[in-house]
Amino acid sequence: MTRVLSLLVVLLLVAFPGTGEAKRRNNQQIFDDYNNALRWNEFDLAWTFVDPLVQQENPLTELERKRFEQVQITVVTVKSRGVAPDGLTEQVVEIQLVSKFTQVERTLTDHQRWRWDGKAKRFWLVSGLPDITARD
C-alpha cells in the first residue's frame, strides 16, 4: 500500500508540476534567452536582463557599446551553474568571439551572477554584461 501511495504521489508531481518546477523552467528560459541574446550580438536586448539597480549605478557607456559592435560572438557555452553561498545563482559561461577588424578569434570566461527578484518573479543579472576586453 505504501509503495502504491508513493508511486501515486510521484505521478501527481510529474503530471502537475508545482511552482518549484515552473519556477525552474522559467528561470532556465531567462538564462537561455540572455545567452542567446549574447550569441546573436543583441547587446541592447542582453542589457535588459541586467538588474535595474546595476544599470542605474553602472550605465552602459558609449565606449562599451562601440566595443560590442566591434566583435562577433560565435559560441556561447554554459560550463556550470549553481547557487552560491550568498544565495545568488552563478553561471560560468565560455564565450568565443571574433574581432570584426582583425578576424582574430579568442575565448573569454564570463562569471555570471543572478539575483532572484521575488516581486518581479524573475532573475536579474547583477554581474553585468561580459567584459569583452578581458583576456583569459
N, C-alpha and C. Protein backbone atom coordinates (compact mmCIF):
# COMPACT_ATOMS: atom_id res chain seq x y z
N MET A 1 0.81 -1.19 0.00
CA MET A 1 0.00 0.00 0.00
C MET A 1 0.86 1.26 0.00
N THR A 2 1.94 1.24 0.79
CA THR A 2 2.83 2.37 0.87
C THR A 2 3.50 2.63 -0.48
N ARG A 3 3.88 1.55 -1.15
CA ARG A 3 4.52 1.68 -2.47
C ARG A 3 3.55 2.29 -3.46
N VAL A 4 2.31 1.88 -3.43
CA VAL A 4 1.30 2.40 -4.35
C VAL A 4 1.07 3.88 -4.08
N LEU A 5 0.99 4.25 -2.80
CA LEU A 5 0.80 5.64 -2.43
C LEU A 5 1.99 6.50 -2.87
N SER A 6 3.18 5.98 -2.66
CA SER A 6 4.39 6.70 -3.08
C SER A 6 4.41 6.89 -4.59
N LEU A 7 4.06 5.84 -5.31
CA LEU A 7 4.02 5.93 -6.77
C LEU A 7 2.99 6.94 -7.23
N LEU A 8 1.85 6.96 -6.57
CA LEU A 8 0.78 7.90 -6.90
C LEU A 8 1.24 9.34 -6.68
N VAL A 9 1.93 9.59 -5.58
CA VAL A 9 2.44 10.93 -5.29
C VAL A 9 3.44 11.35 -6.36
N VAL A 10 4.34 10.48 -6.75
CA VAL A 10 5.33 10.78 -7.79
C VAL A 10 4.63 11.09 -9.11
N LEU A 11 3.65 10.28 -9.46
CA LEU A 11 2.92 10.52 -10.71
C LEU A 11 2.20 11.86 -10.70
N LEU A 12 1.61 12.21 -9.56
CA LEU A 12 0.94 13.51 -9.45
C LEU A 12 1.93 14.66 -9.58
N LEU A 13 3.10 14.52 -9.00
CA LEU A 13 4.12 15.57 -9.10
C LEU A 13 4.60 15.74 -10.54
N VAL A 14 4.72 14.64 -11.25
CA VAL A 14 5.14 14.70 -12.65
C VAL A 14 4.02 15.28 -13.52
N ALA A 15 2.81 14.85 -13.27
CA ALA A 15 1.68 15.30 -14.09
C ALA A 15 1.34 16.75 -13.83
N PHE A 16 1.47 17.22 -12.59
CA PHE A 16 1.14 18.59 -12.21
C PHE A 16 2.33 19.21 -11.51
N PRO A 17 3.30 19.69 -12.30
CA PRO A 17 4.49 20.25 -11.66
C PRO A 17 4.13 21.44 -10.77
N GLY A 18 4.74 21.49 -9.63
CA GLY A 18 4.47 22.57 -8.69
C GLY A 18 5.16 23.85 -9.10
N THR A 19 5.02 24.85 -8.27
CA THR A 19 5.63 26.14 -8.57
C THR A 19 7.14 26.03 -8.64
N GLY A 20 7.73 25.10 -7.90
CA GLY A 20 9.18 24.93 -7.95
C GLY A 20 9.63 24.52 -9.34
N GLU A 21 8.93 23.57 -9.94
CA GLU A 21 9.28 23.12 -11.30
C GLU A 21 9.01 24.23 -12.31
N ALA A 22 7.88 24.91 -12.18
CA ALA A 22 7.55 26.01 -13.09
C ALA A 22 8.59 27.12 -12.96
N LYS A 23 8.99 27.42 -11.72
CA LYS A 23 9.99 28.45 -11.49
C LYS A 23 11.31 28.04 -12.14
N ARG A 24 11.70 26.78 -11.98
CA ARG A 24 12.95 26.30 -12.55
C ARG A 24 12.94 26.43 -14.07
N ARG A 25 11.82 26.03 -14.71
CA ARG A 25 11.71 26.13 -16.17
C ARG A 25 11.76 27.58 -16.61
N ASN A 26 11.05 28.46 -15.89
CA ASN A 26 11.03 29.88 -16.22
C ASN A 26 12.42 30.47 -16.09
N ASN A 27 13.13 30.11 -15.02
CA ASN A 27 14.48 30.61 -14.80
C ASN A 27 15.43 30.11 -15.89
N GLN A 28 15.32 28.86 -16.24
CA GLN A 28 16.15 28.32 -17.32
C GLN A 28 15.92 29.10 -18.59
N GLN A 29 14.67 29.46 -18.86
CA GLN A 29 14.35 30.23 -20.06
C GLN A 29 15.00 31.61 -20.01
N ILE A 30 15.02 32.24 -18.84
CA ILE A 30 15.66 33.55 -18.70
C ILE A 30 17.14 33.44 -19.00
N PHE A 31 17.81 32.44 -18.41
CA PHE A 31 19.24 32.25 -18.65
C PHE A 31 19.50 31.99 -20.14
N ASP A 32 18.68 31.12 -20.73
CA ASP A 32 18.85 30.79 -22.15
C ASP A 32 18.61 32.01 -23.04
N ASP A 33 17.57 32.79 -22.73
CA ASP A 33 17.27 33.98 -23.53
C ASP A 33 18.41 34.99 -23.47
N TYR A 34 18.98 35.16 -22.28
CA TYR A 34 20.12 36.07 -22.14
C TYR A 34 21.32 35.59 -22.96
N ASN A 35 21.66 34.31 -22.79
CA ASN A 35 22.81 33.78 -23.52
C ASN A 35 22.57 33.79 -25.04
N ASN A 36 21.34 33.59 -25.46
CA ASN A 36 21.02 33.68 -26.89
C ASN A 36 21.16 35.12 -27.39
N ALA A 37 20.77 36.09 -26.58
CA ALA A 37 20.94 37.49 -26.97
C ALA A 37 22.43 37.79 -27.18
N LEU A 38 23.27 37.27 -26.28
CA LEU A 38 24.71 37.44 -26.47
C LEU A 38 25.17 36.79 -27.77
N ARG A 39 24.75 35.53 -27.94
CA ARG A 39 25.19 34.76 -29.11
C ARG A 39 24.85 35.45 -30.42
N TRP A 40 23.71 36.12 -30.47
CA TRP A 40 23.28 36.77 -31.72
C TRP A 40 23.60 38.26 -31.72
N ASN A 41 24.53 38.66 -30.83
CA ASN A 41 25.01 40.04 -30.77
C ASN A 41 23.90 41.06 -30.56
N GLU A 42 22.89 40.67 -29.83
CA GLU A 42 21.79 41.56 -29.47
C GLU A 42 22.11 42.17 -28.10
N PHE A 43 23.13 43.05 -28.07
CA PHE A 43 23.61 43.55 -26.79
C PHE A 43 22.61 44.47 -26.11
N ASP A 44 21.82 45.21 -26.89
CA ASP A 44 20.77 46.04 -26.28
C ASP A 44 19.74 45.16 -25.59
N LEU A 45 19.40 44.04 -26.21
CA LEU A 45 18.47 43.09 -25.59
C LEU A 45 19.12 42.46 -24.36
N ALA A 46 20.38 42.07 -24.46
CA ALA A 46 21.09 41.48 -23.31
C ALA A 46 21.11 42.47 -22.14
N TRP A 47 21.25 43.75 -22.44
CA TRP A 47 21.28 44.78 -21.40
C TRP A 47 19.98 44.80 -20.59
N THR A 48 18.85 44.40 -21.19
CA THR A 48 17.57 44.42 -20.47
C THR A 48 17.50 43.34 -19.40
N PHE A 49 18.42 42.37 -19.42
CA PHE A 49 18.46 41.33 -18.40
C PHE A 49 19.26 41.78 -17.17
N VAL A 50 20.01 42.87 -17.31
CA VAL A 50 20.84 43.37 -16.22
C VAL A 50 19.94 44.03 -15.18
N ASP A 51 20.23 43.75 -13.92
CA ASP A 51 19.49 44.29 -12.79
C ASP A 51 19.34 45.81 -12.95
N PRO A 52 18.12 46.34 -12.84
CA PRO A 52 17.91 47.79 -12.99
C PRO A 52 18.78 48.62 -12.03
N LEU A 53 19.03 48.11 -10.83
CA LEU A 53 19.90 48.84 -9.90
C LEU A 53 21.34 48.90 -10.43
N VAL A 54 21.79 47.82 -11.02
CA VAL A 54 23.13 47.78 -11.61
C VAL A 54 23.19 48.72 -12.82
N GLN A 55 22.14 48.71 -13.63
CA GLN A 55 22.08 49.62 -14.78
C GLN A 55 22.19 51.07 -14.33
N GLN A 56 21.49 51.39 -13.25
CA GLN A 56 21.49 52.75 -12.75
C GLN A 56 22.86 53.15 -12.21
N GLU A 57 23.49 52.24 -11.46
CA GLU A 57 24.79 52.53 -10.85
C GLU A 57 25.93 52.49 -11.86
N ASN A 58 25.81 51.63 -12.88
CA ASN A 58 26.87 51.46 -13.88
C ASN A 58 26.26 51.46 -15.28
N PRO A 59 25.82 52.62 -15.75
CA PRO A 59 25.19 52.64 -17.08
C PRO A 59 26.19 52.22 -18.17
N LEU A 60 25.65 51.64 -19.22
CA LEU A 60 26.47 51.22 -20.35
C LEU A 60 26.98 52.47 -21.06
N THR A 61 28.29 52.60 -21.15
CA THR A 61 28.88 53.79 -21.77
C THR A 61 28.90 53.64 -23.29
N GLU A 62 29.09 54.75 -23.96
CA GLU A 62 29.18 54.72 -25.42
C GLU A 62 30.40 53.91 -25.86
N LEU A 63 31.50 54.01 -25.12
CA LEU A 63 32.71 53.24 -25.43
C LEU A 63 32.42 51.74 -25.35
N GLU A 64 31.75 51.31 -24.28
CA GLU A 64 31.41 49.88 -24.14
C GLU A 64 30.49 49.43 -25.28
N ARG A 65 29.54 50.26 -25.63
CA ARG A 65 28.62 49.94 -26.73
C ARG A 65 29.41 49.77 -28.04
N LYS A 66 30.35 50.65 -28.29
CA LYS A 66 31.18 50.56 -29.52
C LYS A 66 32.03 49.30 -29.52
N ARG A 67 32.55 48.92 -28.35
CA ARG A 67 33.36 47.70 -28.26
C ARG A 67 32.53 46.48 -28.63
N PHE A 68 31.27 46.43 -28.17
CA PHE A 68 30.41 45.30 -28.52
C PHE A 68 30.14 45.27 -30.02
N GLU A 69 30.09 46.42 -30.65
CA GLU A 69 29.86 46.48 -32.10
C GLU A 69 31.06 45.96 -32.89
N GLN A 70 32.22 45.90 -32.27
CA GLN A 70 33.45 45.51 -32.96
C GLN A 70 33.72 44.01 -32.92
N VAL A 71 32.85 43.25 -32.26
CA VAL A 71 33.07 41.81 -32.16
C VAL A 71 31.85 41.06 -32.66
N GLN A 72 32.10 39.82 -33.07
CA GLN A 72 31.03 38.89 -33.44
C GLN A 72 31.17 37.70 -32.51
N ILE A 73 30.17 37.48 -31.68
CA ILE A 73 30.20 36.31 -30.81
C ILE A 73 29.80 35.10 -31.64
N THR A 74 30.60 34.05 -31.56
CA THR A 74 30.35 32.87 -32.39
C THR A 74 29.80 31.69 -31.59
N VAL A 75 30.18 31.59 -30.31
CA VAL A 75 29.73 30.47 -29.50
C VAL A 75 29.55 30.95 -28.06
N VAL A 76 28.47 30.52 -27.43
CA VAL A 76 28.23 30.75 -26.01
C VAL A 76 27.92 29.39 -25.39
N THR A 77 28.76 28.96 -24.46
CA THR A 77 28.60 27.64 -23.86
C THR A 77 28.55 27.76 -22.34
N VAL A 78 27.46 27.30 -21.74
CA VAL A 78 27.35 27.27 -20.28
C VAL A 78 28.19 26.10 -19.78
N LYS A 79 29.17 26.41 -18.95
CA LYS A 79 30.06 25.39 -18.41
C LYS A 79 29.57 24.86 -17.06
N SER A 80 28.96 25.73 -16.26
CA SER A 80 28.43 25.28 -14.98
C SER A 80 27.39 26.27 -14.47
N ARG A 81 26.54 25.77 -13.58
CA ARG A 81 25.52 26.60 -12.95
C ARG A 81 25.30 26.07 -11.55
N GLY A 82 25.16 26.97 -10.59
CA GLY A 82 24.91 26.56 -9.23
C GLY A 82 24.51 27.75 -8.37
N VAL A 83 24.21 27.46 -7.13
CA VAL A 83 23.83 28.51 -6.19
C VAL A 83 25.01 28.79 -5.29
N ALA A 84 25.38 30.06 -5.20
CA ALA A 84 26.50 30.49 -4.37
C ALA A 84 26.06 30.56 -2.91
N PRO A 85 27.03 30.59 -1.98
CA PRO A 85 26.68 30.68 -0.56
C PRO A 85 25.82 31.90 -0.22
N ASP A 86 25.97 32.98 -0.99
CA ASP A 86 25.17 34.19 -0.71
C ASP A 86 23.77 34.11 -1.31
N GLY A 87 23.42 32.98 -1.93
CA GLY A 87 22.08 32.78 -2.47
C GLY A 87 21.92 33.18 -3.92
N LEU A 88 22.92 33.81 -4.50
CA LEU A 88 22.84 34.17 -5.91
C LEU A 88 23.10 32.94 -6.77
N THR A 89 22.48 32.91 -7.93
CA THR A 89 22.74 31.84 -8.89
C THR A 89 23.94 32.25 -9.73
N GLU A 90 24.88 31.36 -9.89
CA GLU A 90 26.08 31.64 -10.67
C GLU A 90 26.13 30.74 -11.89
N GLN A 91 26.56 31.31 -12.99
CA GLN A 91 26.82 30.55 -14.21
C GLN A 91 28.22 30.89 -14.67
N VAL A 92 28.96 29.89 -15.08
CA VAL A 92 30.24 30.11 -15.75
C VAL A 92 29.98 29.81 -17.22
N VAL A 93 30.23 30.81 -18.05
CA VAL A 93 29.91 30.72 -19.47
C VAL A 93 31.16 31.02 -20.29
N GLU A 94 31.44 30.14 -21.23
CA GLU A 94 32.56 30.36 -22.15
C GLU A 94 32.03 31.05 -23.40
N ILE A 95 32.66 32.15 -23.76
CA ILE A 95 32.24 32.94 -24.92
C ILE A 95 33.38 32.99 -25.92
N GLN A 96 33.09 32.56 -27.13
CA GLN A 96 34.07 32.68 -28.21
C GLN A 96 33.63 33.85 -29.09
N LEU A 97 34.59 34.72 -29.40
CA LEU A 97 34.26 35.88 -30.21
C LEU A 97 35.36 36.17 -31.20
N VAL A 98 34.99 36.89 -32.26
CA VAL A 98 35.93 37.24 -33.32
C VAL A 98 35.90 38.75 -33.47
N SER A 99 37.07 39.35 -33.57
CA SER A 99 37.15 40.78 -33.87
C SER A 99 36.73 40.98 -35.32
N LYS A 100 35.82 41.91 -35.56
CA LYS A 100 35.36 42.16 -36.92
C LYS A 100 36.47 42.80 -37.77
N PHE A 101 37.46 43.41 -37.12
CA PHE A 101 38.51 44.09 -37.87
C PHE A 101 39.71 43.20 -38.14
N THR A 102 40.13 42.42 -37.15
CA THR A 102 41.33 41.61 -37.32
C THR A 102 41.03 40.16 -37.66
N GLN A 103 39.77 39.75 -37.47
CA GLN A 103 39.33 38.36 -37.66
C GLN A 103 40.05 37.39 -36.73
N VAL A 104 40.57 37.90 -35.62
CA VAL A 104 41.22 37.06 -34.62
C VAL A 104 40.14 36.56 -33.66
N GLU A 105 40.13 35.24 -33.47
CA GLU A 105 39.17 34.64 -32.55
C GLU A 105 39.83 34.46 -31.19
N ARG A 106 39.05 34.68 -30.15
CA ARG A 106 39.54 34.42 -28.80
C ARG A 106 38.38 33.96 -27.93
N THR A 107 38.73 33.44 -26.77
CA THR A 107 37.74 32.90 -25.85
C THR A 107 37.86 33.63 -24.52
N LEU A 108 36.72 33.93 -23.93
CA LEU A 108 36.74 34.51 -22.59
C LEU A 108 35.74 33.77 -21.72
N THR A 109 35.95 33.85 -20.42
CA THR A 109 35.06 33.22 -19.47
C THR A 109 34.26 34.30 -18.76
N ASP A 110 32.94 34.16 -18.82
CA ASP A 110 32.04 35.12 -18.17
C ASP A 110 31.48 34.47 -16.92
N HIS A 111 31.71 35.09 -15.77
CA HIS A 111 31.19 34.61 -14.49
C HIS A 111 29.93 35.40 -14.19
N GLN A 112 28.79 34.81 -14.54
CA GLN A 112 27.51 35.49 -14.36
C GLN A 112 26.97 35.24 -12.96
N ARG A 113 26.39 36.30 -12.38
CA ARG A 113 25.72 36.19 -11.07
C ARG A 113 24.32 36.76 -11.23
N TRP A 114 23.34 35.94 -10.83
CA TRP A 114 21.93 36.28 -11.00
C TRP A 114 21.24 36.37 -9.65
N ARG A 115 20.41 37.41 -9.48
CA ARG A 115 19.65 37.64 -8.25
C ARG A 115 18.17 37.37 -8.51
N TRP A 116 17.55 36.61 -7.60
CA TRP A 116 16.11 36.36 -7.71
C TRP A 116 15.36 37.55 -7.15
N ASP A 117 14.39 38.07 -7.92
CA ASP A 117 13.53 39.16 -7.51
C ASP A 117 12.14 38.57 -7.27
N GLY A 118 11.80 38.40 -6.00
CA GLY A 118 10.52 37.79 -5.65
C GLY A 118 9.32 38.60 -6.12
N LYS A 119 9.45 39.92 -6.12
CA LYS A 119 8.35 40.78 -6.58
C LYS A 119 8.08 40.60 -8.06
N ALA A 120 9.15 40.67 -8.85
CA ALA A 120 9.02 40.54 -10.31
C ALA A 120 8.93 39.08 -10.73
N LYS A 121 9.24 38.17 -9.80
CA LYS A 121 9.24 36.73 -10.07
C LYS A 121 10.14 36.38 -11.26
N ARG A 122 11.38 36.87 -11.17
CA ARG A 122 12.36 36.60 -12.22
C ARG A 122 13.77 36.85 -11.68
N PHE A 123 14.74 36.39 -12.46
CA PHE A 123 16.13 36.64 -12.12
C PHE A 123 16.62 37.90 -12.84
N TRP A 124 17.52 38.61 -12.18
CA TRP A 124 18.22 39.75 -12.78
C TRP A 124 19.71 39.48 -12.73
N LEU A 125 20.40 39.83 -13.81
CA LEU A 125 21.85 39.67 -13.90
C LEU A 125 22.52 40.81 -13.14
N VAL A 126 23.21 40.49 -12.06
CA VAL A 126 23.86 41.53 -11.25
C VAL A 126 25.33 41.71 -11.61
N SER A 127 25.88 40.79 -12.38
CA SER A 127 27.30 40.90 -12.75
C SER A 127 27.51 41.75 -14.00
N GLY A 128 26.45 42.15 -14.66
CA GLY A 128 26.57 42.99 -15.85
C GLY A 128 26.96 42.19 -17.08
N LEU A 129 27.05 42.91 -18.19
CA LEU A 129 27.44 42.28 -19.46
C LEU A 129 28.88 41.80 -19.37
N PRO A 130 29.25 40.82 -20.17
CA PRO A 130 30.63 40.31 -20.10
C PRO A 130 31.65 41.39 -20.48
N ASP A 131 32.81 41.28 -19.87
CA ASP A 131 33.92 42.19 -20.19
C ASP A 131 34.63 41.61 -21.40
N ILE A 132 34.30 42.12 -22.57
CA ILE A 132 34.87 41.56 -23.80
C ILE A 132 36.31 42.01 -24.03
N THR A 133 36.82 42.86 -23.14
CA THR A 133 38.24 43.25 -23.26
C THR A 133 39.12 42.33 -22.42
N ALA A 134 38.49 41.46 -21.61
CA ALA A 134 39.24 40.56 -20.73
C ALA A 134 40.00 39.53 -21.54
N ARG A 135 41.13 39.12 -21.02
CA ARG A 135 41.93 38.06 -21.64
C ARG A 135 41.99 36.90 -20.67
N ASP A 136 41.63 35.71 -21.15
CA ASP A 136 41.72 34.52 -20.30
C ASP A 136 43.12 33.96 -20.31
